[in-house]
């Protein structure tokens, strides 16, 4: 059994303490608890689309990285610094 198959400790925003996860990777959520969607279904807090927010829980690390890249692009297009 390699390191990547071991559970990891992870923290989650808005919670206290640590939680075990059996996922060999962990990309924390970009959620900043400003869950308001604009007319294009983009969150004004984290700049993920509603679909991206919904798929986050089951997304692997590569998909999460792609979601973060897209959110950063949206944030820059909105005139905010990533």
Protein backbone atom coordinates (compact mmCIF):
# COMPACT_ATOMS: atom_id res chain seq x y z
CA UNK A 1 0.00 0.00 0.00
CA UNK A 2 1.54 3.31 -1.09
CA UNK A 3 1.16 6.73 0.48
CA UNK A 4 -1.46 7.78 -2.05
CA UNK A 5 -3.81 5.01 -0.93
CA UNK A 6 -3.77 6.03 2.75
CA UNK A 7 -6.55 8.18 4.21
CA UNK A 8 -5.61 11.79 4.83
CA UNK A 9 -6.67 14.29 7.47
CA UNK A 10 -8.51 17.27 6.07
CA UNK A 11 -10.15 20.41 7.39
CA UNK A 12 -13.31 21.87 5.96
CA UNK A 13 -14.29 25.55 5.99
CA UNK A 14 -16.82 26.46 8.63
CA UNK A 15 -16.06 23.43 10.77
CA UNK A 16 -13.90 22.79 13.79
CA UNK A 17 -11.30 20.08 13.91
CA UNK A 18 -10.11 17.56 11.39
CA UNK A 19 -11.99 14.92 9.44
CA UNK A 20 -10.74 11.74 7.83
CA UNK A 21 -11.21 11.33 4.11
CA UNK A 22 -10.42 8.18 2.16
CA UNK A 23 -9.60 10.15 -0.97
CA UNK A 24 -5.90 9.99 -1.89
CA UNK A 25 -6.01 13.68 -2.84
CA UNK A 26 -7.54 16.69 -1.28
CA UNK A 27 -8.25 19.99 -3.00
CA UNK A 28 -10.09 22.28 -0.56
CA UNK A 29 -13.26 23.97 -1.67
CA UNK A 30 -12.93 27.60 -2.78
CA UNK A 31 -16.26 28.40 -1.10
CA UNK A 32 -16.17 31.65 0.88
CA UNK A 33 -19.75 31.32 2.17
CA UNK A 34 -21.14 34.01 -0.15
CA UNK A 35 -23.47 31.65 -1.98
CA UNK A 36 -25.28 33.97 -4.38
CA UNK A 37 -25.64 33.16 -8.08
CA UNK A 38 -25.74 35.83 -10.77
CA UNK A 39 -27.89 35.71 -13.92
CA UNK A 40 -25.38 33.31 -15.52
CA UNK A 41 -25.54 30.87 -12.56
CA UNK A 42 -22.06 31.87 -11.40
CA UNK A 43 -21.45 32.23 -7.66
CA UNK A 44 -20.46 35.78 -6.69
CA UNK A 45 -18.28 34.41 -3.89
CA UNK A 46 -16.17 31.67 -5.47
CA UNK A 47 -16.94 32.20 -9.19
CA UNK A 48 -17.84 28.57 -9.79
CA UNK A 49 -20.92 27.79 -11.85
CA UNK A 50 -23.88 26.05 -10.23
CA UNK A 51 -22.95 22.88 -12.14
CA UNK A 52 -19.32 23.06 -10.93
CA UNK A 53 -20.47 23.53 -7.34
CA UNK A 54 -22.71 20.48 -7.68
CA UNK A 55 -20.00 18.26 -9.09
CA UNK A 56 -17.28 19.36 -6.61
CA UNK A 57 -17.95 16.60 -4.06
CA UNK A 58 -17.41 13.78 -6.58
CA UNK A 59 -14.74 15.47 -8.73
CA UNK A 60 -11.22 14.08 -8.74
CA UNK A 61 -8.17 16.30 -8.19
CA UNK A 62 -7.67 16.99 -11.92
CA UNK A 63 -11.28 18.06 -12.35
CA UNK A 64 -11.13 20.23 -9.23
CA UNK A 65 -8.01 21.92 -10.60
CA UNK A 66 -9.85 22.59 -13.88
CA UNK A 67 -12.81 24.04 -11.98
CA UNK A 68 -10.48 26.32 -10.00
CA UNK A 69 -8.78 27.50 -13.21
CA UNK A 70 -12.14 28.33 -14.78
CA UNK A 71 -13.26 30.13 -11.60
CA UNK A 72 -10.02 32.16 -11.53
CA UNK A 73 -10.59 33.17 -15.15
CA UNK A 74 -14.14 34.29 -14.34
CA UNK A 75 -12.90 36.22 -11.33
CA UNK A 76 -10.30 38.06 -13.40
CA UNK A 77 -12.89 38.82 -16.09
CA UNK A 78 -15.11 40.30 -13.38
CA UNK A 79 -12.26 42.62 -12.40
CA UNK A 80 -11.28 40.89 -9.16
CA UNK A 81 -7.85 39.61 -8.30
CA UNK A 82 -7.49 35.82 -8.11
